[in-house]
N, C-alpha and C. Protein backbone atom coordinates (compact mmCIF):
# COMPACT_ATOMS: atom_id res chain seq x y z
N LEU A 1 -13.73 7.38 -2.88
CA LEU A 1 -13.13 8.09 -1.77
C LEU A 1 -13.45 9.57 -1.91
N ASP A 2 -14.18 10.11 -0.98
CA ASP A 2 -14.62 11.50 -1.04
C ASP A 2 -13.54 12.41 -0.45
N MET A 3 -12.91 13.19 -1.32
CA MET A 3 -11.81 14.05 -0.87
C MET A 3 -12.32 15.20 -0.01
N TYR A 4 -13.52 15.67 -0.23
CA TYR A 4 -14.04 16.77 0.58
C TYR A 4 -14.22 16.34 2.03
N TYR A 5 -14.61 15.10 2.24
CA TYR A 5 -14.70 14.58 3.61
C TYR A 5 -13.32 14.52 4.25
N LEU A 6 -12.33 14.05 3.48
CA LEU A 6 -10.97 13.97 4.01
C LEU A 6 -10.42 15.35 4.33
N TYR A 7 -10.69 16.32 3.46
CA TYR A 7 -10.21 17.69 3.73
C TYR A 7 -10.86 18.24 4.99
N GLY A 8 -12.15 18.01 5.14
CA GLY A 8 -12.86 18.50 6.32
C GLY A 8 -12.32 17.89 7.59
N SER A 9 -12.08 16.58 7.55
CA SER A 9 -11.54 15.94 8.75
C SER A 9 -10.11 16.39 9.02
N ALA A 10 -9.36 16.71 7.98
CA ALA A 10 -7.99 17.20 8.19
C ALA A 10 -8.02 18.57 8.86
N PHE A 11 -8.95 19.42 8.47
CA PHE A 11 -9.03 20.74 9.09
C PHE A 11 -9.50 20.67 10.54
N VAL A 12 -10.18 19.59 10.90
CA VAL A 12 -10.56 19.39 12.30
C VAL A 12 -9.39 18.80 13.07
N LEU A 13 -8.68 17.84 12.47
CA LEU A 13 -7.60 17.17 13.17
C LEU A 13 -6.33 18.01 13.28
N LEU A 14 -6.10 18.92 12.37
CA LEU A 14 -4.87 19.72 12.41
C LEU A 14 -4.79 20.57 13.68
N PRO A 15 -5.82 21.33 14.06
CA PRO A 15 -5.71 22.08 15.33
C PRO A 15 -5.60 21.16 16.54
N ILE A 16 -6.26 20.00 16.48
CA ILE A 16 -6.15 19.05 17.59
C ILE A 16 -4.72 18.53 17.70
N ALA A 17 -4.10 18.22 16.57
CA ALA A 17 -2.72 17.73 16.59
C ALA A 17 -1.77 18.81 17.10
N ILE A 18 -1.96 20.04 16.68
CA ILE A 18 -1.11 21.14 17.16
C ILE A 18 -1.29 21.32 18.66
N LEU A 19 -2.52 21.24 19.14
CA LEU A 19 -2.78 21.35 20.57
C LEU A 19 -2.12 20.21 21.33
N LEU A 20 -2.19 18.99 20.80
CA LEU A 20 -1.55 17.86 21.45
C LEU A 20 -0.03 18.01 21.52
N VAL A 21 0.57 18.54 20.47
CA VAL A 21 2.01 18.76 20.48
C VAL A 21 2.38 19.78 21.54
N VAL A 22 1.64 20.87 21.62
CA VAL A 22 1.93 21.89 22.62
C VAL A 22 1.72 21.34 24.03
N LEU A 23 0.63 20.62 24.26
CA LEU A 23 0.39 20.02 25.57
C LEU A 23 1.48 19.02 25.93
N PHE A 24 1.92 18.25 24.96
CA PHE A 24 2.98 17.29 25.22
C PHE A 24 4.26 18.00 25.66
N GLU A 25 4.63 19.06 24.95
CA GLU A 25 5.85 19.78 25.30
C GLU A 25 5.74 20.42 26.67
N VAL A 26 4.60 21.01 26.99
CA VAL A 26 4.42 21.63 28.30
C VAL A 26 4.44 20.56 29.39
N TYR A 27 3.74 19.47 29.17
CA TYR A 27 3.66 18.40 30.16
C TYR A 27 5.03 17.76 30.37
N HIS A 28 5.72 17.48 29.28
CA HIS A 28 7.02 16.84 29.37
C HIS A 28 8.03 17.74 30.06
N ARG A 29 8.04 19.00 29.73
CA ARG A 29 9.00 19.94 30.32
C ARG A 29 8.74 20.12 31.80
N SER A 30 7.49 19.99 32.24
CA SER A 30 7.17 20.23 33.65
C SER A 30 7.64 19.08 34.54
N TRP A 31 7.72 17.86 34.06
CA TRP A 31 8.10 16.76 34.94
C TRP A 31 9.42 16.11 34.58
N VAL A 32 10.11 16.58 33.56
CA VAL A 32 11.34 15.93 33.15
C VAL A 32 12.46 16.15 34.16
N GLY A 33 12.45 17.25 34.89
CA GLY A 33 13.44 17.49 35.93
C GLY A 33 14.84 17.79 35.40
N VAL A 34 14.92 18.47 34.27
CA VAL A 34 16.20 18.81 33.68
C VAL A 34 16.35 20.33 33.68
N ASP A 35 17.54 20.79 34.03
CA ASP A 35 17.82 22.22 33.96
C ASP A 35 18.31 22.53 32.54
N PHE A 36 17.47 23.19 31.75
CA PHE A 36 17.80 23.45 30.36
C PHE A 36 18.79 24.59 30.17
N ASP A 37 19.17 25.26 31.26
CA ASP A 37 20.13 26.35 31.18
C ASP A 37 21.57 25.85 31.23
N ILE A 38 21.78 24.61 31.64
CA ILE A 38 23.12 24.05 31.74
C ILE A 38 23.55 23.52 30.38
N GLU A 39 24.79 23.75 30.03
CA GLU A 39 25.33 23.24 28.77
C GLU A 39 25.44 21.71 28.84
N PRO A 40 25.09 21.01 27.76
CA PRO A 40 25.21 19.55 27.79
C PRO A 40 26.67 19.12 27.76
N TYR A 41 26.90 17.94 28.30
CA TYR A 41 28.26 17.39 28.32
C TYR A 41 28.59 16.87 26.93
N GLY A 42 29.63 17.37 26.33
CA GLY A 42 30.03 16.92 25.02
C GLY A 42 31.42 16.36 24.98
N GLU A 43 32.13 16.44 26.08
CA GLU A 43 33.52 16.03 26.12
C GLU A 43 33.70 14.59 26.58
N GLN A 44 32.63 13.93 26.97
CA GLN A 44 32.75 12.59 27.52
C GLN A 44 32.88 11.54 26.42
N GLU A 45 33.47 10.43 26.80
CA GLU A 45 33.55 9.29 25.91
C GLU A 45 32.17 8.64 25.82
N GLN A 46 31.67 8.42 24.61
CA GLN A 46 30.32 7.89 24.45
C GLN A 46 30.29 6.38 24.26
N ASN A 47 31.41 5.77 23.91
CA ASN A 47 31.48 4.32 23.75
C ASN A 47 30.38 3.81 22.82
N GLN A 48 30.38 4.27 21.59
CA GLN A 48 29.35 3.89 20.63
C GLN A 48 29.69 2.56 19.97
N ASP A 49 28.65 1.79 19.70
CA ASP A 49 28.79 0.50 19.06
C ASP A 49 27.80 0.44 17.91
N THR A 50 28.26 0.05 16.73
CA THR A 50 27.38 0.01 15.57
C THR A 50 26.92 -1.38 15.21
N ALA A 51 27.25 -2.38 16.02
CA ALA A 51 26.82 -3.75 15.74
C ALA A 51 25.33 -3.90 16.03
N PHE A 52 24.68 -4.75 15.25
CA PHE A 52 23.24 -4.97 15.43
C PHE A 52 22.93 -5.60 16.77
N SER A 53 23.82 -6.44 17.26
CA SER A 53 23.58 -7.11 18.55
C SER A 53 23.54 -6.12 19.70
N GLY A 54 24.18 -4.98 19.57
CA GLY A 54 24.18 -3.98 20.63
C GLY A 54 23.19 -2.86 20.40
N LEU A 55 22.23 -3.07 19.51
CA LEU A 55 21.29 -2.01 19.15
C LEU A 55 20.44 -1.58 20.34
N PHE A 56 19.94 -2.53 21.12
CA PHE A 56 19.06 -2.21 22.23
C PHE A 56 19.76 -2.30 23.59
N ARG A 57 21.08 -2.36 23.57
CA ARG A 57 21.81 -2.38 24.84
C ARG A 57 21.62 -1.03 25.53
N GLY A 58 21.22 -1.07 26.76
CA GLY A 58 20.99 0.15 27.52
C GLY A 58 19.60 0.73 27.35
N PHE A 59 18.72 0.01 26.64
CA PHE A 59 17.37 0.52 26.41
C PHE A 59 16.60 0.66 27.71
N TRP A 60 16.66 -0.37 28.58
CA TRP A 60 15.90 -0.31 29.82
C TRP A 60 16.46 0.75 30.76
N GLU A 61 17.78 0.94 30.78
CA GLU A 61 18.36 1.97 31.63
C GLU A 61 17.90 3.36 31.21
N LEU A 62 17.66 3.52 29.92
CA LEU A 62 17.21 4.81 29.41
C LEU A 62 15.72 5.03 29.63
N THR A 63 14.91 4.01 29.42
CA THR A 63 13.46 4.17 29.50
C THR A 63 12.87 3.76 30.84
N GLY A 64 13.61 3.02 31.63
CA GLY A 64 13.11 2.52 32.90
C GLY A 64 12.58 3.59 33.85
N PRO A 65 13.28 4.70 34.04
CA PRO A 65 12.78 5.72 34.97
C PRO A 65 11.41 6.29 34.60
N TYR A 66 11.04 6.25 33.33
CA TYR A 66 9.73 6.77 32.95
C TYR A 66 8.60 5.89 33.47
N PHE A 67 8.88 4.61 33.68
CA PHE A 67 7.84 3.67 34.07
C PHE A 67 7.96 3.18 35.50
N THR A 68 9.07 3.43 36.17
CA THR A 68 9.26 2.92 37.52
C THR A 68 9.31 3.99 38.59
N VAL A 69 9.25 5.25 38.23
CA VAL A 69 9.28 6.32 39.22
C VAL A 69 7.98 6.28 40.02
N ASP A 70 8.09 6.37 41.34
CA ASP A 70 6.91 6.29 42.19
C ASP A 70 6.19 7.61 42.35
N ASP A 71 6.82 8.71 41.95
CA ASP A 71 6.22 10.03 42.16
C ASP A 71 4.84 10.09 41.51
N PRO A 72 4.71 10.28 40.20
CA PRO A 72 3.45 9.98 39.51
C PRO A 72 3.70 8.80 38.56
N PRO A 73 3.16 7.62 38.83
CA PRO A 73 3.49 6.45 38.01
C PRO A 73 2.89 6.48 36.61
N THR A 74 2.03 7.43 36.30
CA THR A 74 1.40 7.45 34.97
C THR A 74 2.16 8.31 33.97
N ASN A 75 3.29 8.88 34.35
CA ASN A 75 4.02 9.73 33.41
C ASN A 75 4.46 8.98 32.16
N GLY A 76 5.04 7.81 32.33
CA GLY A 76 5.49 7.03 31.17
C GLY A 76 4.33 6.59 30.29
N ARG A 77 3.23 6.18 30.91
CA ARG A 77 2.07 5.75 30.13
C ARG A 77 1.45 6.92 29.38
N THR A 78 1.38 8.07 30.04
CA THR A 78 0.84 9.25 29.38
C THR A 78 1.73 9.67 28.23
N TYR A 79 3.03 9.62 28.45
CA TYR A 79 4.01 9.95 27.42
C TYR A 79 3.82 9.06 26.19
N LEU A 80 3.70 7.76 26.40
CA LEU A 80 3.49 6.83 25.29
C LEU A 80 2.15 7.05 24.61
N ALA A 81 1.10 7.32 25.38
CA ALA A 81 -0.22 7.55 24.79
C ALA A 81 -0.21 8.77 23.88
N ILE A 82 0.45 9.84 24.31
CA ILE A 82 0.52 11.05 23.48
C ILE A 82 1.33 10.77 22.22
N ILE A 83 2.43 10.05 22.34
CA ILE A 83 3.26 9.75 21.17
C ILE A 83 2.48 8.89 20.17
N PHE A 84 1.77 7.86 20.65
CA PHE A 84 0.99 7.01 19.74
C PHE A 84 -0.17 7.78 19.10
N THR A 85 -0.79 8.69 19.85
CA THR A 85 -1.87 9.50 19.29
C THR A 85 -1.34 10.40 18.19
N LEU A 86 -0.21 11.05 18.44
CA LEU A 86 0.38 11.92 17.42
C LEU A 86 0.83 11.12 16.20
N ALA A 87 1.34 9.91 16.42
CA ALA A 87 1.73 9.06 15.29
C ALA A 87 0.52 8.65 14.47
N ALA A 88 -0.60 8.36 15.13
CA ALA A 88 -1.82 7.99 14.40
C ALA A 88 -2.36 9.17 13.59
N VAL A 89 -2.32 10.36 14.17
CA VAL A 89 -2.78 11.55 13.45
C VAL A 89 -1.87 11.81 12.25
N MET A 90 -0.55 11.64 12.44
CA MET A 90 0.38 11.83 11.32
C MET A 90 0.11 10.81 10.21
N LEU A 91 -0.16 9.57 10.60
CA LEU A 91 -0.47 8.54 9.61
C LEU A 91 -1.74 8.89 8.83
N TYR A 92 -2.74 9.44 9.50
CA TYR A 92 -3.96 9.85 8.83
C TYR A 92 -3.68 11.00 7.85
N PHE A 93 -2.84 11.96 8.26
CA PHE A 93 -2.50 13.06 7.36
C PHE A 93 -1.73 12.55 6.13
N LEU A 94 -0.88 11.57 6.33
CA LEU A 94 -0.18 10.98 5.18
C LEU A 94 -1.15 10.25 4.25
N PHE A 95 -2.17 9.62 4.82
CA PHE A 95 -3.20 8.98 4.00
C PHE A 95 -3.94 10.02 3.16
N ILE A 96 -4.29 11.15 3.77
CA ILE A 96 -4.97 12.22 3.03
C ILE A 96 -4.07 12.75 1.93
N TRP A 97 -2.79 12.94 2.24
CA TRP A 97 -1.84 13.44 1.25
C TRP A 97 -1.73 12.45 0.08
N ASN A 98 -1.67 11.17 0.39
CA ASN A 98 -1.58 10.15 -0.64
C ASN A 98 -2.84 10.13 -1.51
N ALA A 99 -4.01 10.24 -0.90
CA ALA A 99 -5.26 10.27 -1.66
C ALA A 99 -5.32 11.50 -2.55
N TRP A 100 -4.83 12.64 -2.05
CA TRP A 100 -4.82 13.85 -2.87
C TRP A 100 -3.87 13.69 -4.05
N GLN A 101 -2.69 13.09 -3.81
CA GLN A 101 -1.75 12.88 -4.91
C GLN A 101 -2.35 11.96 -5.98
N LYS A 102 -3.04 10.93 -5.54
CA LYS A 102 -3.68 10.02 -6.51
C LYS A 102 -4.69 10.77 -7.36
N GLN A 103 -5.53 11.56 -6.71
CA GLN A 103 -6.54 12.30 -7.46
C GLN A 103 -5.88 13.32 -8.39
N PHE A 104 -4.81 13.96 -7.94
CA PHE A 104 -4.11 14.95 -8.76
C PHE A 104 -3.52 14.32 -10.00
N TRP A 105 -2.80 13.20 -9.84
CA TRP A 105 -2.16 12.59 -10.99
C TRP A 105 -3.15 11.85 -11.88
N ASP A 106 -4.26 11.39 -11.33
CA ASP A 106 -5.29 10.77 -12.18
C ASP A 106 -5.98 11.82 -13.06
N ALA A 107 -5.92 13.07 -12.66
CA ALA A 107 -6.53 14.14 -13.46
C ALA A 107 -5.77 14.32 -14.78
N PHE A 108 -4.51 13.90 -14.85
CA PHE A 108 -3.72 14.06 -16.06
C PHE A 108 -3.94 12.91 -17.05
N GLN A 109 -4.60 11.86 -16.62
CA GLN A 109 -4.80 10.72 -17.53
C GLN A 109 -5.99 10.89 -18.40
């Protein structure tokens, strides 16, 4: 495993990942339709349930508008694509970190 290749690819992917994060935040903020100047409601009853059977209760009500809104129907798909891309880049960075740790600790043997 060539660490110099991994370092080089990390230096290429890091600015791309930062750019994707910034684009995601700008894109998400532009179509989310939330007034960020209003204080959030904290006084309401939340009716929380910690049972495993109720883990995904309300999932579709929460995520449904991202995929069923007729305005631009690709918002939810774009949102998921950006999240999966960022997760893949993060996984690659963790792989590089793990390879570096292996090489570092093998140097002591």
